[in-house]
Protein backbone atom coordinates (compact mmCIF):
# COMPACT_ATOMS: atom_id res chain seq x y z
CA MET A 1 19.73 -11.03 -8.47
CA SER A 2 17.20 -9.33 -10.70
CA ILE A 3 14.06 -7.70 -9.33
CA ARG A 4 12.07 -8.27 -12.52
CA GLY A 5 10.36 -11.40 -11.13
CA PRO A 6 8.91 -9.75 -8.01
CA LEU A 7 7.85 -6.69 -10.04
CA ALA A 8 6.07 -8.93 -12.56
CA ILE A 9 4.22 -10.63 -9.68
CA SER A 10 3.16 -7.22 -8.31
CA ALA A 11 1.89 -6.10 -11.72
CA SER A 12 -0.02 -9.37 -12.23
CA LEU A 13 -1.75 -9.12 -8.85
CA LEU A 14 -2.79 -5.53 -9.53
CA ALA A 15 -4.16 -6.45 -12.96
CA ILE A 16 -6.22 -9.27 -11.47
CA ALA A 17 -7.51 -7.00 -8.69
CA ALA A 18 -8.41 -4.16 -11.04
CA GLY A 19 -10.36 -6.57 -13.24
CA SER A 20 -12.39 -7.96 -10.35
CA PRO A 21 -15.75 -6.18 -10.11
CA ALA A 22 -16.33 -7.38 -6.52
CA ALA A 23 -13.05 -5.94 -5.21
CA ALA A 24 -13.13 -2.70 -3.24
CA GLN A 25 -9.99 -0.58 -3.25
CA ASN A 26 -8.42 1.32 -0.39
CA PHE A 27 -5.55 3.79 -0.59
CA TYR A 28 -3.29 4.38 2.38
CA VAL A 29 -0.15 6.23 3.48
CA GLY A 30 1.95 5.83 6.56
CA ALA A 31 5.21 6.34 8.38
CA GLY A 32 7.33 3.92 10.34
CA VAL A 33 10.54 3.31 12.23
CA GLU A 34 12.59 0.21 11.54
CA THR A 35 15.57 -1.33 13.28
CA SER A 36 17.69 -4.27 12.21
CA VAL A 37 17.74 -7.45 14.25
CA GLU A 38 20.53 -8.79 12.05
CA SER A 39 22.37 -7.05 9.25
CA GLU A 40 25.35 -8.46 7.46
CA LEU A 41 27.67 -7.38 4.67
CA SER A 42 29.56 -10.23 3.01
CA ALA A 43 32.73 -9.21 1.19
CA LEU A 44 35.46 -11.42 -0.19
CA GLY A 45 34.48 -14.36 2.02
CA THR A 46 34.22 -12.33 5.24
CA ASP A 47 31.01 -11.37 7.03
CA TYR A 48 30.71 -8.01 8.75
CA SER A 49 28.07 -7.07 11.27
CA ASN A 50 26.00 -3.89 10.85
CA ASP A 51 23.23 -1.99 12.59
CA LEU A 52 20.55 -0.16 10.62
CA THR A 53 17.87 2.14 12.02
CA MET A 54 15.67 4.09 9.63
CA GLY A 55 12.47 6.03 9.34
CA SER A 56 10.35 5.66 6.23
CA VAL A 57 7.20 6.76 4.48
CA LEU A 58 5.00 4.29 2.64
CA GLY A 59 1.91 4.28 0.51
CA GLY A 60 -0.15 1.74 -1.30
CA VAL A 61 -3.41 0.43 -2.59
CA ARG A 62 -5.35 -2.61 -1.43
CA PHE A 63 -8.11 -4.49 -3.11
CA ASN A 64 -10.50 -6.28 -0.75
CA HIS A 65 -12.43 -9.36 -1.76
CA SER A 66 -14.42 -10.91 1.09
CA ASN A 67 -11.90 -11.18 3.95
CA PHE A 68 -8.88 -11.44 1.64
CA PHE A 69 -6.88 -8.47 0.40
CA PHE A 70 -4.01 -7.91 -2.01
CA GLY A 71 -2.32 -4.93 -3.56
CA ALA A 72 0.94 -3.03 -3.98
CA GLU A 73 2.99 -0.85 -1.68
CA GLY A 74 5.93 1.49 -2.20
CA GLU A 75 8.20 3.08 0.37
CA THR A 76 11.40 5.03 0.82
CA SER A 77 13.52 5.98 3.80
CA LEU A 78 13.48 9.50 5.22
CA PHE A 79 16.57 8.98 7.34
CA THR A 80 19.04 6.16 8.00
CA GLU A 81 21.55 5.48 10.71
CA TYR A 82 24.00 2.81 9.62
CA ASP A 83 26.88 1.50 11.74
CA SER A 84 29.28 -1.15 10.45
CA ASP A 85 32.16 -2.94 12.08
CA TRP A 86 33.76 -3.13 8.63
CA SER A 87 34.33 0.53 7.90
CA THR A 88 33.32 3.83 9.42
CA ALA A 89 33.17 5.17 5.85
CA SER A 90 30.31 2.81 4.93
CA GLU A 91 27.06 4.69 4.44
CA LEU A 92 23.55 3.67 3.58
CA ASP A 93 21.74 6.81 2.46
CA ARG A 94 18.45 5.41 1.20
CA VAL A 95 16.48 2.17 1.14
CA SER A 96 13.42 1.96 -1.15
CA ARG A 97 11.04 -0.97 -1.65
CA LEU A 98 8.21 -1.88 -4.02
CA ARG A 99 6.20 -4.88 -2.82
CA ALA A 100 3.14 -6.94 -3.64
CA ILE A 101 1.12 -7.44 -0.47
CA GLY A 102 -1.61 -9.93 0.38
CA GLY A 103 -3.34 -11.15 3.48
CA TYR A 104 -6.44 -11.97 5.45
CA ASP A 105 -8.65 -9.63 7.49
CA PHE A 106 -9.86 -11.17 10.78
CA GLY A 107 -11.84 -8.05 11.76
CA ALA A 108 -9.88 -5.63 13.95
CA PHE A 109 -6.66 -7.53 13.16
CA SER A 110 -5.23 -8.52 9.77
CA ALA A 111 -2.19 -10.63 8.86
CA PHE A 112 -0.20 -10.20 5.65
CA GLY A 113 2.82 -11.23 3.62
CA ALA A 114 4.76 -9.14 1.11
CA VAL A 115 7.35 -9.77 -1.61
CA GLY A 116 9.09 -7.42 -4.03
CA GLY A 117 12.21 -5.47 -4.91
CA VAL A 118 14.59 -3.37 -2.79
CA TRP A 119 16.95 -0.59 -3.92
CA THR A 120 19.78 0.76 -1.78
CA GLU A 121 21.90 3.88 -2.21
CA GLY A 122 25.09 4.76 -0.38
CA GLU A 123 28.71 3.71 -0.22
CA LEU A 124 27.82 0.51 1.60
CA ALA A 125 30.26 -1.57 -0.44
CA GLY A 126 33.19 0.74 0.20
CA PRO A 127 34.92 3.64 -1.53
CA GLY A 128 35.41 3.26 -5.27
CA LEU A 129 32.79 0.52 -5.65
CA ALA A 130 29.13 0.69 -6.62
CA ASP A 131 27.11 3.07 -4.47
CA SER A 132 23.76 1.48 -5.25
CA ALA A 133 22.31 -2.00 -5.60
CA ASP A 134 19.02 -3.75 -6.10
CA GLY A 135 17.70 -7.04 -4.84
CA THR A 136 14.70 -8.73 -3.28
CA THR A 137 12.65 -8.15 -0.16
CA TRP A 138 9.98 -10.11 1.66
CA GLY A 139 8.12 -9.67 4.90
CA VAL A 140 5.31 -10.80 7.17
CA GLY A 141 3.30 -8.79 9.65
CA GLY A 142 0.05 -7.71 11.15
CA GLU A 143 -2.10 -4.62 11.42
CA TYR A 144 -4.50 -3.60 14.14
CA SER A 145 -7.38 -1.32 13.15
CA ILE A 146 -7.59 1.47 15.72
CA ASN A 147 -10.62 2.98 13.98
CA ASP A 148 -11.98 3.42 10.43
CA ARG A 149 -9.03 5.68 9.46
CA TRP A 150 -6.00 4.53 11.45
CA ASP A 151 -4.09 1.23 11.65
CA ALA A 152 -1.03 0.27 13.67
CA ARG A 153 1.38 -2.10 11.89
CA LEU A 154 4.18 -4.37 13.11
CA GLU A 155 6.21 -6.39 10.61
CA TYR A 156 9.36 -8.38 9.99
CA ILE A 157 11.23 -7.45 6.77
CA HIS A 158 14.16 -9.23 5.08
CA ASP A 159 16.22 -7.56 2.31
CA GLU A 160 19.00 -8.95 0.12
CA ALA A 161 21.00 -6.86 -2.37
CA GLU A 162 24.18 -7.50 -4.35
CA PHE A 163 26.67 -4.71 -5.04
CA ASP A 164 29.16 -4.77 -7.90
CA GLY A 165 32.51 -6.12 -6.75
CA GLY A 166 31.24 -9.20 -4.90
CA TYR A 167 29.53 -7.53 -1.95
CA GLU A 168 26.22 -8.85 -0.67
CA TRP A 169 24.03 -7.08 1.91
CA GLN A 170 21.43 -8.96 3.93
CA ASN A 171 19.25 -7.15 6.42
CA SER A 172 16.50 -8.46 8.70
CA SER A 173 14.55 -5.82 10.58
CA VAL A 174 11.40 -5.11 12.56
CA ARG A 175 9.24 -2.09 11.70
CA ALA A 176 6.44 -0.38 13.60
CA ALA A 177 4.27 1.96 11.52
CA ALA A 178 1.13 4.07 11.65
CA ILE A 179 -1.19 3.87 8.62
CA VAL A 180 -3.87 6.36 7.51
CA LYS A 181 -6.56 4.95 5.20
CA PHE A 182 -8.51 6.94 2.60
């Protein structure tokens, strides 16, 4: 599956936001820890169960218009711990995402949705096969504003990527993160 569609959506949203004179922009960075609630590698008609835990850094820009916001966010993993019942040789070294994000600010709490592309690196599909893949990602979550600078985030993220050789990776995870706003 190509990631061109989600990237085109992200670029379109940013162009609209940048052209809106009433939109205020906010930059932010953060760090989070994520653990899979269900991760599966499908290969040759067989599904294998996996566990993924990772820490990541993220950064983005938001454009606020009234109580609505939208923007773009990028992230990459700092560390991964990947266990598979398929092969002890399977590794997932890096997961990176680029997402369009949009939501509604209720005051101290905001809710959001995100969609975009995911890239994976590592010998997830087995020795001798592709060691990287791209696909799509989406998520929903909420942020609580601790003060003017700090937010706490909790979100559900779903990734799907296809490796050469007929391998498909699907991962659903929950991430908790701390966000610093500028």
